[in-house]
Every structure is written in C-alpha cells, then in structure tokens.
Amino acid sequence: MQIVNEGLKAGDLEGVVSPTFSVDQYKSKMGDDRNVMVLCFSVDGQAPAKDLEHFAETGYKDIMDADATPGTLEDSKHKVFIEFQRKETVDQAIRKFLDDLKKLTNIETFNFTYHKRTKPFEATAKNLAEVLPRTPEAYSQKINGLRLGEVKAFKIDADSMSECMYFTKYFGPYQISKTTEDKFIFSKGGESVLVSKNGW
C-alpha cells in the first residue's frame, strides 16, 4: 500500500472527510484575508481531524498553517482550517493537495463553496483557477462584487422593512432580509434558510 504521508496510508481517512469544503468563508489567523486563502474541511471525529491537520502541515510549502478545532460543532463535525498564501499559483497548490487527499480519503471528486455562497463548484483545475481570487487585488474586487450583489438582491422599502420587523417579533431573534423575489432569508448562528410567503 502506498504511504501518502508519514503515519498515514492510502484510505486511512476514508468515510470521515466531507467531499465539500469551503474557501474564504472564514477569516485567516495567519494574516490579512487579502493575502491568505482559508480552506475549511469538515471531518467526523477529533483523531482524523488531527490527522488531516498534520498531513496538511507537512510536505506542502504553500500551506502556511493548518488547525483542527478542539471541540465538536453543533453537527458533531470537527473543522480543519488550512491556510494557503494567496498568489497566482495557489490554485495549482490546492489541486496538488487535493490530489494527495483523494488517496487518503478515496474521494473521487471534491467540491467547494466560495465565501458565503452555498452553491458548490466541482474542484476541477478550471473552476479552481476561475472562481478563486488568486491575488490580493482579485480578492478585494471579488468580495466587493459579492457584497454589491447582496445589496442589490435585497429590498429596503418601507413595506419590506415592516414585514421583516413583524416576522422578527413573531419568530424571535432571527436576522431577516427580504429578497427582490419576495422571499425572506432567516439567519441565525451562521446558518440561513430561504422562506417563501406563497400559500401562507
């Protein structure tokens, strides 16, 4: 059996690592978010999370830091944060890391979400190069564009505000926004749900 990394063999992390990871959803602890790209993986169990942390920290010059959360989150998962230097070739560094991780996990296809978006992209060479901002300047432009898109997607007229306030009183301490399609986004504790008024 091929040894992928000291102490870990092919297939050792099978069934415990989620095939979907997030990019730039969490803040970097190693530097400014413009200069550092944060990948976050969900892992079942503390021991495999520490294994993934150790695996990422050894043997990859483009990985600045890896850190597994000490306690489980609400969904009983552990998060492993892996920080890459944001530079032109970061997509290739991520691809190399994922290729090695596939051997450990037996996952054929990884997917990723970007920033606060929930729509996953397949982690192909093309998508990694096109979706991820690989320079500090590209990061600033992308985040500003996403924020502008969020602002455009919400109604801020008086009727919409009164409806949101009514729902806050009725449902409790949720952050409630109304979209241009007359749907409502209820947010709390970092999670959101889209609710339609049709048929109420």
Protein backbone atom coordinates (compact mmCIF):
# COMPACT_ATOMS: atom_id res chain seq x y z
CA MET A 1 0.00 0.00 0.00
CA GLN A 2 1.34 3.42 -0.90
CA ILE A 3 2.28 5.66 2.04
CA VAL A 4 0.97 9.13 1.25
CA ASN A 5 2.37 10.88 4.30
CA GLU A 6 4.33 9.82 7.37
CA GLY A 7 1.94 7.91 9.63
CA LEU A 8 -0.94 7.93 7.14
CA LYS A 9 -1.62 5.40 4.41
CA ALA A 10 -3.92 5.47 1.40
CA GLY A 11 -7.53 5.13 2.54
CA ASP A 12 -6.84 5.98 6.20
CA LEU A 13 -9.30 8.91 6.10
CA GLU A 14 -11.97 7.14 4.07
CA GLY A 15 -15.53 8.00 5.12
CA VAL A 16 -14.62 10.73 7.62
CA VAL A 17 -13.85 13.78 5.44
CA SER A 18 -16.67 15.65 3.70
CA PRO A 19 -16.22 15.88 -0.08
CA THR A 20 -17.32 19.56 0.01
CA PHE A 21 -15.06 22.21 1.53
CA SER A 22 -15.37 25.97 1.76
CA VAL A 23 -12.95 28.67 0.59
CA ASP A 24 -12.66 32.18 2.09
CA GLN A 25 -15.70 31.58 4.33
CA TYR A 26 -13.60 32.02 7.49
CA LYS A 27 -11.07 34.65 8.46
CA SER A 28 -7.36 33.88 8.38
CA LYS A 29 -5.39 33.74 11.62
CA MET A 30 -2.07 33.97 9.77
CA GLY A 31 -2.59 37.36 8.13
CA ASP A 32 -4.89 39.62 6.16
CA ASP A 33 -7.63 37.83 4.21
CA ARG A 34 -6.39 39.60 1.06
CA ASN A 35 -3.11 37.70 1.38
CA VAL A 36 -4.28 34.36 2.78
CA MET A 37 -6.84 31.88 1.43
CA VAL A 38 -8.59 29.73 4.03
CA LEU A 39 -9.94 26.28 3.12
CA CYS A 40 -12.24 24.62 5.64
CA PHE A 41 -12.89 20.87 5.70
CA SER A 42 -15.50 19.06 7.84
CA VAL A 43 -14.26 15.87 9.49
CA ASP A 44 -16.01 13.22 11.63
CA GLY A 45 -14.01 12.78 14.82
CA GLN A 46 -11.13 14.54 16.57
CA ALA A 47 -8.44 11.96 15.74
CA PRO A 48 -8.97 12.09 11.95
CA ALA A 49 -9.22 15.90 12.15
CA LYS A 50 -5.79 16.00 13.83
CA ASP A 51 -4.51 13.55 11.17
CA LEU A 52 -5.68 15.89 8.41
CA GLU A 53 -4.12 18.88 10.21
CA HIS A 54 -0.77 17.06 10.48
CA PHE A 55 -0.98 15.84 6.87
CA ALA A 56 -1.54 19.41 5.61
CA GLU A 57 1.24 20.90 7.74
CA THR A 58 3.95 18.55 6.48
CA GLY A 59 5.22 18.48 2.96
CA TYR A 60 3.43 21.45 1.39
CA LYS A 61 5.46 24.63 1.12
CA ASP A 62 2.41 26.67 0.03
CA ILE A 63 0.42 25.79 3.18
CA MET A 64 1.08 28.43 5.82
CA ASP A 65 -0.89 26.78 8.63
CA ALA A 66 -3.38 24.02 9.43
CA ASP A 67 -5.58 23.92 12.51
CA ALA A 68 -8.26 21.47 13.70
CA THR A 69 -10.99 22.78 16.01
CA PRO A 70 -10.53 21.34 19.51
CA GLY A 71 -14.24 20.63 20.11
CA THR A 72 -17.10 19.34 18.00
CA LEU A 73 -19.50 21.78 16.41
CA GLU A 74 -23.30 21.54 16.50
CA ASP A 75 -23.35 18.93 13.75
CA SER A 76 -20.78 16.74 15.61
CA LYS A 77 -18.16 17.62 12.98
CA HIS A 78 -14.68 18.95 13.51
CA LYS A 79 -13.45 21.74 11.24
CA VAL A 80 -9.94 21.73 9.83
CA PHE A 81 -8.73 25.11 8.57
CA ILE A 82 -5.92 25.06 6.00
CA GLU A 83 -4.35 28.38 5.01
CA PHE A 84 -2.61 28.96 1.69
CA GLN A 85 -0.67 32.03 0.60
CA ARG A 86 -2.84 33.90 -1.91
CA LYS A 87 -0.73 34.10 -5.07
CA GLU A 88 -1.09 33.38 -8.79
CA THR A 89 -0.24 29.69 -8.44
CA VAL A 90 -2.42 28.97 -5.38
CA ASP A 91 -4.95 27.05 -7.50
CA GLN A 92 -2.21 24.63 -8.55
CA ALA A 93 -1.06 24.22 -4.93
CA ILE A 94 -4.64 23.43 -3.86
CA ARG A 95 -5.03 20.97 -6.72
CA LYS A 96 -1.84 19.13 -5.71
CA PHE A 97 -3.04 18.97 -2.09
CA LEU A 98 -6.49 17.67 -3.16
CA ASP A 99 -4.91 15.04 -5.43
CA ASP A 100 -2.98 13.68 -2.44
CA LEU A 101 -6.03 13.97 -0.16
CA LYS A 102 -8.05 11.89 -2.64
CA LYS A 103 -5.66 8.98 -1.97
CA LEU A 104 -6.20 9.27 1.79
CA THR A 105 -9.99 9.63 1.59
CA ASN A 106 -10.84 7.61 -1.55
CA ILE A 107 -12.98 10.58 -2.57
CA GLU A 108 -13.08 10.77 -6.37
CA THR A 109 -14.45 14.31 -6.67
CA PHE A 110 -14.11 17.22 -4.25
CA ASN A 111 -16.44 20.23 -4.42
CA PHE A 112 -16.05 23.68 -2.93
CA THR A 113 -18.22 26.64 -1.97
CA TYR A 114 -16.94 30.20 -2.09
CA HIS A 115 -17.30 32.82 0.66
CA LYS A 116 -20.92 32.90 1.90
CA ARG A 117 -22.36 31.27 -1.20
CA THR A 118 -23.79 27.78 -0.75
CA LYS A 119 -23.69 26.72 -4.42
CA PRO A 120 -20.89 24.16 -4.79
CA PHE A 121 -18.41 24.02 -7.65
CA GLU A 122 -16.58 20.88 -8.66
CA ALA A 123 -12.92 21.31 -7.70
CA THR A 124 -11.60 20.99 -11.25
CA ALA A 125 -8.47 22.79 -12.43
CA LYS A 126 -10.69 25.15 -14.46
CA ASN A 127 -13.03 26.03 -11.57
CA LEU A 128 -10.22 26.48 -9.05
CA ALA A 129 -8.47 28.87 -11.46
CA GLU A 130 -11.61 30.82 -12.42
CA VAL A 131 -13.63 31.00 -9.18
CA LEU A 132 -10.86 31.60 -6.63
CA PRO A 133 -9.28 35.08 -6.47
CA ARG A 134 -5.57 34.32 -6.65
CA THR A 135 -4.14 37.77 -5.88
CA PRO A 136 -4.91 40.30 -3.11
CA GLU A 137 -6.32 42.69 -5.75
CA ALA A 138 -8.57 40.00 -7.24
CA TYR A 139 -9.79 39.10 -3.72
CA SER A 140 -10.77 42.72 -2.97
CA GLN A 141 -12.61 43.02 -6.29
CA LYS A 142 -14.44 39.70 -5.82
CA ILE A 143 -15.55 40.41 -2.23
CA ASN A 144 -16.70 43.92 -3.13
CA GLY A 145 -18.63 42.46 -6.08
CA LEU A 146 -20.27 39.82 -3.86
CA ARG A 147 -21.26 42.47 -1.29
CA LEU A 148 -22.69 44.70 -4.02
CA GLY A 149 -24.67 41.73 -5.34
CA GLU A 150 -26.05 41.07 -1.86
CA VAL A 151 -27.17 44.68 -1.51
CA LYS A 152 -28.86 44.63 -4.94
CA ALA A 153 -30.69 41.42 -4.07
CA PHE A 154 -32.49 42.86 -1.05
CA LYS A 155 -35.47 45.18 -0.87
CA ILE A 156 -35.14 48.11 1.52
CA ASP A 157 -38.52 49.82 1.00
CA ALA A 158 -40.78 50.65 3.97
CA ASP A 159 -43.21 47.76 3.37
CA SER A 160 -40.41 45.22 3.24
CA MET A 161 -38.85 46.58 6.43
CA SER A 162 -42.17 46.43 8.30
CA GLU A 163 -42.69 42.81 7.15
CA CYS A 164 -39.21 41.85 8.37
CA MET A 165 -39.84 43.55 11.72
CA TYR A 166 -43.18 41.73 12.08
CA PHE A 167 -41.50 38.36 11.46
CA THR A 168 -38.77 39.19 13.98
CA LYS A 169 -41.42 39.79 16.64
CA TYR A 170 -43.31 36.65 15.63
CA PHE A 171 -40.42 34.18 15.19
CA GLY A 172 -37.86 35.59 17.59
CA PRO A 173 -34.27 36.88 17.29
CA TYR A 174 -33.55 36.00 13.66
CA GLN A 175 -31.86 38.36 11.23
CA ILE A 176 -34.49 38.63 8.49
CA SER A 177 -33.99 40.07 4.99
CA LYS A 178 -36.35 40.24 2.04
CA THR A 179 -35.11 39.42 -1.46
CA THR A 180 -36.21 41.04 -4.72
CA GLU A 181 -38.20 37.84 -5.47
CA ASP A 182 -40.40 38.47 -2.39
CA LYS A 183 -38.78 35.69 -0.39
CA PHE A 184 -37.33 36.02 3.09
CA ILE A 185 -33.93 34.94 4.42
CA PHE A 186 -33.91 33.96 8.10
CA SER A 187 -30.37 33.92 9.55
CA LYS A 188 -29.14 32.85 12.98
CA GLY A 189 -25.91 31.39 14.32
CA GLY A 190 -24.18 31.44 10.94
CA GLU A 191 -26.94 29.46 9.22
CA SER A 192 -29.64 30.74 6.87
CA VAL A 193 -32.88 29.47 5.38
CA LEU A 194 -34.83 30.89 2.44
CA VAL A 195 -38.58 31.11 3.09
CA SER A 196 -41.32 31.87 0.57
CA LYS A 197 -44.61 33.52 1.53
CA ASN A 198 -46.53 31.66 -1.18
CA GLY A 199 -49.52 29.84 0.25
CA TRP A 200 -49.36 31.35 3.75
